[in-house]
Structures are given as structure tokens and as C-alpha cells.
Amino acid sequence: RLLDPETHLGKVYHVQVAGQIGDDQLKQMVAG
């Protein structure tokens, strides 16, 4: 059940990326 996408149980990650990532790129990640 935990692995089933239908459950919609959010998993939160903290990610360090090289350089400066902008709001536009973050919005792209949400849009797809």
C-alpha cells in the first residue's frame, strides 16, 4: 500500500545541487 501511487503518500527530500537553481526550474519540476 505504501508503494502504491494511488495512496498519494508524500515523500520529502532535501537536495543539494551545484550552482543556483531558480524558481522557473522548480516550477518546471512540478509541471513535469
PDB file of all heavy atoms in Angstrom:
ATOM      1  N   ARG A   1       0.834  -1.206   0.000  1.00  0.00           N
ATOM      2  CA  ARG A   1       0.000   0.000   0.000  1.00  0.00           C
ATOM      3  C   ARG A   1       0.871   1.259   0.000  1.00  0.00           C
ATOM      4  O   ARG A   1       0.544   2.248  -0.662  1.00  0.00           O
ATOM      5  CB  ARG A   1      -0.916   0.007   1.222  1.00  0.00           C
ATOM      6  CG  ARG A   1      -1.959  -1.100   1.242  1.00  0.00           C
ATOM      7  CD  ARG A   1      -3.053  -0.894   0.219  1.00  0.00           C
ATOM      8  NE  ARG A   1      -4.090  -1.901   0.327  1.00  0.00           N
ATOM      9  CZ  ARG A   1      -5.170  -1.797   1.099  1.00  0.00           C
ATOM     10  NH1 ARG A   1      -5.365  -0.714   1.829  1.00  0.00           N
ATOM     11  NH2 ARG A   1      -6.066  -2.765   1.141  1.00  0.00           N
ATOM     12  N   LEU A   2       1.947   1.240   0.764  1.00  0.00           N
ATOM     13  CA  LEU A   2       2.821   2.412   0.822  1.00  0.00           C
ATOM     14  C   LEU A   2       3.475   2.699  -0.529  1.00  0.00           C
ATOM     15  O   LEU A   2       3.749   3.849  -0.871  1.00  0.00           O
ATOM     16  CB  LEU A   2       3.909   2.196   1.878  1.00  0.00           C
ATOM     17  CG  LEU A   2       3.454   2.240   3.339  1.00  0.00           C
ATOM     18  CD1 LEU A   2       4.601   1.817   4.262  1.00  0.00           C
ATOM     19  CD2 LEU A   2       2.959   3.628   3.716  1.00  0.00           C
ATOM     20  N   LEU A   3       3.716   1.656  -1.309  1.00  0.00           N
ATOM     21  CA  LEU A   3       4.365   1.824  -2.606  1.00  0.00           C
ATOM     22  C   LEU A   3       3.382   2.126  -3.731  1.00  0.00           C
ATOM     23  O   LEU A   3       3.790   2.483  -4.836  1.00  0.00           O
ATOM     24  CB  LEU A   3       5.156   0.557  -2.952  1.00  0.00           C
ATOM     25  CG  LEU A   3       6.341   0.249  -2.037  1.00  0.00           C
ATOM     26  CD1 LEU A   3       6.943  -1.103  -2.376  1.00  0.00           C
ATOM     27  CD2 LEU A   3       7.398   1.340  -2.120  1.00  0.00           C
ATOM     28  N   ASP A   4       2.093   1.987  -3.455  1.00  0.00           N
ATOM     29  CA  ASP A   4       1.070   2.199  -4.474  1.00  0.00           C
ATOM     30  C   ASP A   4       0.883   3.700  -4.727  1.00  0.00           C
ATOM     31  O   ASP A   4       0.562   4.449  -3.808  1.00  0.00           O
ATOM     32  CB  ASP A   4      -0.262   1.592  -3.999  1.00  0.00           C
ATOM     33  CG  ASP A   4      -1.319   1.573  -5.099  1.00  0.00           C
ATOM     34  OD1 ASP A   4      -1.170   2.322  -6.086  1.00  0.00           O
ATOM     35  OD2 ASP A   4      -2.293   0.822  -4.957  1.00  0.00           O
ATOM     36  N   PRO A   5       1.104   4.169  -5.982  1.00  0.00           N
ATOM     37  CA  PRO A   5       0.923   5.593  -6.280  1.00  0.00           C
ATOM     38  C   PRO A   5      -0.473   6.100  -5.950  1.00  0.00           C
ATOM     39  O   PRO A   5      -0.666   7.294  -5.685  1.00  0.00           O
ATOM     40  CB  PRO A   5       1.193   5.676  -7.792  1.00  0.00           C
ATOM     41  CG  PRO A   5       2.005   4.467  -8.098  1.00  0.00           C
ATOM     42  CD  PRO A   5       1.533   3.403  -7.164  1.00  0.00           C
ATOM     43  N   GLU A   6      -1.463   5.206  -5.943  1.00  0.00           N
ATOM     44  CA  GLU A   6      -2.836   5.613  -5.630  1.00  0.00           C
ATOM     45  C   GLU A   6      -2.971   6.100  -4.188  1.00  0.00           C
ATOM     46  O   GLU A   6      -3.925   6.793  -3.843  1.00  0.00           O
ATOM     47  CB  GLU A   6      -3.793   4.443  -5.865  1.00  0.00           C
ATOM     48  CG  GLU A   6      -3.912   3.992  -7.313  1.00  0.00           C
ATOM     49  CD  GLU A   6      -4.493   5.071  -8.209  1.00  0.00           C
ATOM     50  OE1 GLU A   6      -5.420   5.777  -7.753  1.00  0.00           O
ATOM     51  OE2 GLU A   6      -4.011   5.220  -9.345  1.00  0.00           O
ATOM     52  N   THR A   7      -2.013   5.739  -3.334  1.00  0.00           N
ATOM     53  CA  THR A   7      -2.060   6.165  -1.938  1.00  0.00           C
ATOM     54  C   THR A   7      -1.740   7.648  -1.797  1.00  0.00           C
ATOM     55  O   THR A   7      -2.191   8.312  -0.863  1.00  0.00           O
ATOM     56  CB  THR A   7      -1.061   5.343  -1.093  1.00  0.00           C
ATOM     57  OG1 THR A   7      -1.393   3.957  -1.227  1.00  0.00           O
ATOM     58  CG2 THR A   7      -1.123   5.722   0.363  1.00  0.00           C
ATOM     59  N   HIS A   8      -0.965   8.203  -2.739  1.00  0.00           N
ATOM     60  CA  HIS A   8      -0.585   9.627  -2.723  1.00  0.00           C
ATOM     61  C   HIS A   8       0.064  10.026  -1.403  1.00  0.00           C
ATOM     62  O   HIS A   8      -0.225  11.087  -0.844  1.00  0.00           O
ATOM     63  CB  HIS A   8      -1.798  10.521  -2.992  1.00  0.00           C
ATOM     64  CG  HIS A   8      -2.428  10.294  -4.327  1.00  0.00           C
ATOM     65  ND1 HIS A   8      -1.799  10.605  -5.515  1.00  0.00           N
ATOM     66  CD2 HIS A   8      -3.631   9.764  -4.662  1.00  0.00           C
ATOM     67  CE1 HIS A   8      -2.594  10.277  -6.529  1.00  0.00           C
ATOM     68  NE2 HIS A   8      -3.701   9.761  -6.035  1.00  0.00           N
ATOM     69  N   LEU A   9       0.926   9.162  -0.883  1.00  0.00           N
ATOM     70  CA  LEU A   9       1.635   9.472   0.350  1.00  0.00           C
ATOM     71  C   LEU A   9       2.931  10.185  -0.007  1.00  0.00           C
ATOM     72  O   LEU A   9       3.817   9.617  -0.639  1.00  0.00           O
ATOM     73  CB  LEU A   9       1.939   8.179   1.119  1.00  0.00           C
ATOM     74  CG  LEU A   9       2.578   8.341   2.495  1.00  0.00           C
ATOM     75  CD1 LEU A   9       1.638   9.084   3.440  1.00  0.00           C
ATOM     76  CD2 LEU A   9       2.945   6.984   3.077  1.00  0.00           C
ATOM     77  N   GLY A  10       3.033  11.448   0.397  1.00  0.00           N
ATOM     78  CA  GLY A  10       4.171  12.262   0.013  1.00  0.00           C
ATOM     79  C   GLY A  10       5.462  11.853   0.690  1.00  0.00           C
ATOM     80  O   GLY A  10       5.481  11.504   1.872  1.00  0.00           O
ATOM     81  N   LYS A  11       6.544  11.856  -0.077  1.00  0.00           N
ATOM     82  CA  LYS A  11       7.887  11.608   0.443  1.00  0.00           C
ATOM     83  C   LYS A  11       8.701  12.866   0.190  1.00  0.00           C
ATOM     84  O   LYS A  11       8.784  13.339  -0.942  1.00  0.00           O
ATOM     85  CB  LYS A  11       8.519  10.393  -0.238  1.00  0.00           C
ATOM     86  CG  LYS A  11       7.733   9.104  -0.036  1.00  0.00           C
ATOM     87  CD  LYS A  11       8.332   7.953  -0.822  1.00  0.00           C
ATOM     88  CE  LYS A  11       7.542   6.669  -0.620  1.00  0.00           C
ATOM     89  NZ  LYS A  11       6.160   6.771  -1.177  1.00  0.00           N
ATOM     90  N   VAL A  12       9.318  13.400   1.250  1.00  0.00           N
ATOM     91  CA  VAL A  12      10.006  14.691   1.163  1.00  0.00           C
ATOM     92  C   VAL A  12      11.520  14.486   1.201  1.00  0.00           C
ATOM     93  O   VAL A  12      12.037  13.721   2.028  1.00  0.00           O
ATOM     94  CB  VAL A  12       9.570  15.626   2.305  1.00  0.00           C
ATOM     95  CG1 VAL A  12      10.336  16.951   2.244  1.00  0.00           C
ATOM     96  CG2 VAL A  12       8.065  15.902   2.218  1.00  0.00           C
ATOM     97  N   TYR A  13      12.213  15.193   0.303  1.00  0.00           N
ATOM     98  CA  TYR A  13      13.667  15.080   0.167  1.00  0.00           C
ATOM     99  C   TYR A  13      14.303  16.458   0.254  1.00  0.00           C
ATOM    100  O   TYR A  13      13.751  17.449  -0.253  1.00  0.00           O
ATOM    101  CB  TYR A  13      14.026  14.473  -1.196  1.00  0.00           C
ATOM    102  CG  TYR A  13      13.440  13.115  -1.453  1.00  0.00           C
ATOM    103  CD1 TYR A  13      12.114  12.964  -1.835  1.00  0.00           C
ATOM    104  CD2 TYR A  13      14.212  11.967  -1.311  1.00  0.00           C
ATOM    105  CE1 TYR A  13      11.561  11.710  -2.067  1.00  0.00           C
ATOM    106  CE2 TYR A  13      13.674  10.708  -1.543  1.00  0.00           C
ATOM    107  CZ  TYR A  13      12.349  10.595  -1.921  1.00  0.00           C
ATOM    108  OH  TYR A  13      11.810   9.353  -2.142  1.00  0.00           O
ATOM    109  N   HIS A  14      15.460  16.521   0.891  1.00  0.00           N
ATOM    110  CA  HIS A  14      16.292  17.715   0.852  1.00  0.00           C
ATOM    111  C   HIS A  14      17.441  17.429  -0.096  1.00  0.00           C
ATOM    112  O   HIS A  14      18.145  16.416   0.053  1.00  0.00           O
ATOM    113  CB  HIS A  14      16.805  18.071   2.243  1.00  0.00           C
ATOM    114  CG  HIS A  14      15.744  18.639   3.128  1.00  0.00           C
ATOM    115  ND1 HIS A  14      15.937  18.977   4.454  1.00  0.00           N
ATOM    116  CD2 HIS A  14      14.438  18.934   2.872  1.00  0.00           C
ATOM    117  CE1 HIS A  14      14.819  19.450   4.968  1.00  0.00           C
ATOM    118  NE2 HIS A  14      13.893  19.427   4.035  1.00  0.00           N
ATOM    119  N   VAL A  15      17.586  18.301  -1.080  1.00  0.00           N
ATOM    120  CA  VAL A  15      18.523  18.044  -2.176  1.00  0.00           C
ATOM    121  C   VAL A  15      19.474  19.221  -2.328  1.00  0.00           C
ATOM    122  O   VAL A  15      19.045  20.376  -2.425  1.00  0.00           O
ATOM    123  CB  VAL A  15      17.766  17.823  -3.509  1.00  0.00           C
ATOM    124  CG1 VAL A  15      18.738  17.369  -4.591  1.00  0.00           C
ATOM    125  CG2 VAL A  15      16.623  16.829  -3.338  1.00  0.00           C
ATOM    126  N   GLN A  16      20.776  18.927  -2.356  1.00  0.00           N
ATOM    127  CA  GLN A  16      21.788  19.948  -2.614  1.00  0.00           C
ATOM    128  C   GLN A  16      22.238  19.830  -4.061  1.00  0.00           C
ATOM    129  O   GLN A  16      22.667  18.767  -4.500  1.00  0.00           O
ATOM    130  CB  GLN A  16      22.982  19.767  -1.671  1.00  0.00           C
ATOM    131  CG  GLN A  16      24.045  20.845  -1.824  1.00  0.00           C
ATOM    132  CD  GLN A  16      25.284  20.550  -0.993  1.00  0.00           C
ATOM    133  OE1 GLN A  16      25.690  19.387  -0.870  1.00  0.00           O
ATOM    134  NE2 GLN A  16      25.895  21.578  -0.426  1.00  0.00           N
ATOM    135  N   VAL A  17      22.125  20.937  -4.804  1.00  0.00           N
ATOM    136  CA  VAL A  17      22.528  20.924  -6.211  1.00  0.00           C
ATOM    137  C   VAL A  17      23.663  21.917  -6.412  1.00  0.00           C
ATOM    138  O   VAL A  17      23.775  22.924  -5.699  1.00  0.00           O
ATOM    139  CB  VAL A  17      21.352  21.273  -7.149  1.00  0.00           C
ATOM    140  CG1 VAL A  17      20.246  20.250  -7.026  1.00  0.00           C
ATOM    141  CG2 VAL A  17      20.816  22.667  -6.868  1.00  0.00           C
ATOM    142  N   ALA A  18      24.519  21.619  -7.384  1.00  0.00           N
ATOM    143  CA  ALA A  18      25.609  22.529  -7.713  1.00  0.00           C
ATOM    144  C   ALA A  18      25.044  23.738  -8.448  1.00  0.00           C
ATOM    145  O   ALA A  18      24.216  23.597  -9.351  1.00  0.00           O
ATOM    146  CB  ALA A  18      26.648  21.815  -8.577  1.00  0.00           C
ATOM    147  N   GLY A  19      25.474  24.936  -8.064  1.00  0.00           N
ATOM    148  CA  GLY A  19      25.005  26.151  -8.718  1.00  0.00           C
ATOM    149  C   GLY A  19      23.739  26.693  -8.089  1.00  0.00           C
ATOM    150  O   GLY A  19      23.289  26.249  -7.021  1.00  0.00           O
ATOM    151  N   GLN A  20      23.143  27.644  -8.755  1.00  0.00           N
ATOM    152  CA  GLN A  20      21.941  28.311  -8.270  1.00  0.00           C
ATOM    153  C   GLN A  20      20.750  27.913  -9.137  1.00  0.00           C
ATOM    154  O   GLN A  20      20.730  28.173 -10.331  1.00  0.00           O
ATOM    155  CB  GLN A  20      22.114  29.834  -8.288  1.00  0.00           C
ATOM    156  CG  GLN A  20      23.210  30.323  -7.359  1.00  0.00           C
ATOM    157  CD  GLN A  20      23.397  31.825  -7.447  1.00  0.00           C
ATOM    158  OE1 GLN A  20      23.392  32.401  -8.543  1.00  0.00           O
ATOM    159  NE2 GLN A  20      23.575  32.467  -6.310  1.00  0.00           N
ATOM    160  N   ILE A  21      19.774  27.275  -8.521  1.00  0.00           N
ATOM    161  CA  ILE A  21      18.586  26.867  -9.252  1.00  0.00           C
ATOM    162  C   ILE A  21      17.480  27.897  -8.993  1.00  0.00           C
ATOM    163  O   ILE A  21      17.271  28.331  -7.852  1.00  0.00           O
ATOM    164  CB  ILE A  21      18.147  25.445  -8.832  1.00  0.00           C
ATOM    165  CG1 ILE A  21      16.996  24.953  -9.718  1.00  0.00           C
ATOM    166  CG2 ILE A  21      17.773  25.370  -7.367  1.00  0.00           C
ATOM    167  CD1 ILE A  21      16.713  23.462  -9.541  1.00  0.00           C
ATOM    168  N   GLY A  22      16.797  28.290 -10.058  1.00  0.00           N
ATOM    169  CA  GLY A  22      15.814  29.356  -9.949  1.00  0.00           C
ATOM    170  C   GLY A  22      14.392  28.852  -9.793  1.00  0.00           C
ATOM    171  O   GLY A  22      14.097  27.660  -9.941  1.00  0.00           O
ATOM    172  N   ASP A  23      13.494  29.786  -9.519  1.00  0.00           N
ATOM    173  CA  ASP A  23      12.078  29.448  -9.343  1.00  0.00           C
ATOM    174  C   ASP A  23      11.486  28.834 -10.612  1.00  0.00           C
ATOM    175  O   ASP A  23      10.619  27.960 -10.534  1.00  0.00           O
ATOM    176  CB  ASP A  23      11.272  30.693  -8.952  1.00  0.00           C
ATOM    177  CG  ASP A  23      11.599  31.169  -7.543  1.00  0.00           C
ATOM    178  OD1 ASP A  23      12.059  30.338  -6.736  1.00  0.00           O
ATOM    179  OD2 ASP A  23      11.394  32.365  -7.258  1.00  0.00           O
ATOM    180  N   ASP A  24      11.938  29.306 -11.771  1.00  0.00           N
ATOM    181  CA  ASP A  24      11.395  28.773 -13.029  1.00  0.00           C
ATOM    182  C   ASP A  24      11.690  27.283 -13.170  1.00  0.00           C
ATOM    183  O   ASP A  24      10.831  26.501 -13.604  1.00  0.00           O
ATOM    184  CB  ASP A  24      11.978  29.528 -14.229  1.00  0.00           C
ATOM    185  CG  ASP A  24      11.423  30.940 -14.348  1.00  0.00           C
ATOM    186  OD1 ASP A  24      10.372  31.210 -13.721  1.00  0.00           O
ATOM    187  OD2 ASP A  24      12.045  31.755 -15.045  1.00  0.00           O
ATOM    188  N   GLN A  25      12.910  26.873 -12.795  1.00  0.00           N
ATOM    189  CA  GLN A  25      13.263  25.455 -12.870  1.00  0.00           C
ATOM    190  C   GLN A  25      12.464  24.628 -11.867  1.00  0.00           C
ATOM    191  O   GLN A  25      12.037  23.509 -12.168  1.00  0.00           O
ATOM    192  CB  GLN A  25      14.768  25.264 -12.620  1.00  0.00           C
ATOM    193  CG  GLN A  25      15.633  25.664 -13.798  1.00  0.00           C
ATOM    194  CD  GLN A  25      16.123  27.097 -13.675  1.00  0.00           C
ATOM    195  OE1 GLN A  25      15.674  27.834 -12.800  1.00  0.00           O
ATOM    196  NE2 GLN A  25      17.025  27.484 -14.549  1.00  0.00           N
ATOM    197  N   LEU A  26      12.240  25.184 -10.681  1.00  0.00           N
ATOM    198  CA  LEU A  26      11.448  24.473  -9.682  1.00  0.00           C
ATOM    199  C   LEU A  26      10.006  24.308 -10.160  1.00  0.00           C
ATOM    200  O   LEU A  26       9.384  23.257  -9.950  1.00  0.00           O
ATOM    201  CB  LEU A  26      11.490  25.215  -8.346  1.00  0.00           C
ATOM    202  CG  LEU A  26      12.872  25.313  -7.681  1.00  0.00           C
ATOM    203  CD1 LEU A  26      12.764  26.046  -6.357  1.00  0.00           C
ATOM    204  CD2 LEU A  26      13.471  23.933  -7.465  1.00  0.00           C
ATOM    205  N   LYS A  27       9.484  25.316 -10.819  1.00  0.00           N
ATOM    206  CA  LYS A  27       8.125  25.222 -11.365  1.00  0.00           C
ATOM    207  C   LYS A  27       8.064  24.165 -12.471  1.00  0.00           C
ATOM    208  O   LYS A  27       7.054  23.467 -12.613  1.00  0.00           O
ATOM    209  CB  LYS A  27       7.690  26.584 -11.910  1.00  0.00           C
ATOM    210  CG  LYS A  27       7.400  27.617 -10.832  1.00  0.00           C
ATOM    211  CD  LYS A  27       7.029  28.971 -11.427  1.00  0.00           C
ATOM    212  CE  LYS A  27       6.780  30.004 -10.333  1.00  0.00           C
ATOM    213  NZ  LYS A  27       6.474  31.345 -10.887  1.00  0.00           N
ATOM    214  N   GLN A  28       9.147  24.043 -13.244  1.00  0.00           N
ATOM    215  CA  GLN A  28       9.197  23.011 -14.287  1.00  0.00           C
ATOM    216  C   GLN A  28       9.119  21.615 -13.676  1.00  0.00           C
ATOM    217  O   GLN A  28       8.488  20.714 -14.225  1.00  0.00           O
ATOM    218  CB  GLN A  28      10.487  23.139 -15.098  1.00  0.00           C
ATOM    219  CG  GLN A  28      10.460  24.185 -16.186  1.00  0.00           C
ATOM    220  CD  GLN A  28      11.739  24.180 -16.991  1.00  0.00           C
ATOM    221  OE1 GLN A  28      12.656  24.968 -16.757  1.00  0.00           O
ATOM    222  NE2 GLN A  28      11.823  23.263 -17.942  1.00  0.00           N
ATOM    223  N   MET A  29       9.777  21.441 -12.538  1.00  0.00           N
ATOM    224  CA  MET A  29       9.760  20.135 -11.879  1.00  0.00           C
ATOM    225  C   MET A  29       8.339  19.753 -11.463  1.00  0.00           C
ATOM    226  O   MET A  29       7.955  18.586 -11.527  1.00  0.00           O
ATOM    227  CB  MET A  29      10.677  20.149 -10.649  1.00  0.00           C
ATOM    228  CG  MET A  29      12.156  20.291 -10.989  1.00  0.00           C
ATOM    229  SD  MET A  29      13.229  20.373  -9.518  1.00  0.00           S
ATOM    230  CE  MET A  29      13.078  18.678  -8.910  1.00  0.00           C
ATOM    231  N   VAL A  30       7.561  20.722 -11.060  1.00  0.00           N
ATOM    232  CA  VAL A  30       6.181  20.455 -10.667  1.00  0.00           C
ATOM    233  C   VAL A  30       5.292  20.261 -11.898  1.00  0.00           C
ATOM    234  O   VAL A  30       4.428  19.386 -11.934  1.00  0.00           O
ATOM    235  CB  VAL A  30       5.640  21.602  -9.784  1.00  0.00           C
ATOM    236  CG1 VAL A  30       4.159  21.390  -9.465  1.00  0.00           C
ATOM    237  CG2 VAL A  30       6.453  21.708  -8.491  1.00  0.00           C
ATOM    238  N   ALA A  31       5.533  21.061 -12.928  1.00  0.00           N
ATOM    239  CA  ALA A  31       4.718  20.964 -14.145  1.00  0.00           C
ATOM    240  C   ALA A  31       4.965  19.659 -14.879  1.00  0.00           C
ATOM    241  O   ALA A  31       4.057  19.100 -15.508  1.00  0.00           O
ATOM    242  CB  ALA A  31       5.010  22.156 -15.058  1.00  0.00           C
ATOM    243  N   GLY A  32       6.198  19.155 -14.805  1.00  0.00           N
ATOM    244  CA  GLY A  32       6.520  17.899 -15.482  1.00  0.00           C
ATOM    245  C   GLY A  32       7.690  18.057 -16.434  1.00  0.00           C
ATOM    246  O   GLY A  32       7.765  19.043 -17.176  1.00  0.00           O
TER     247      GLY A  32
END
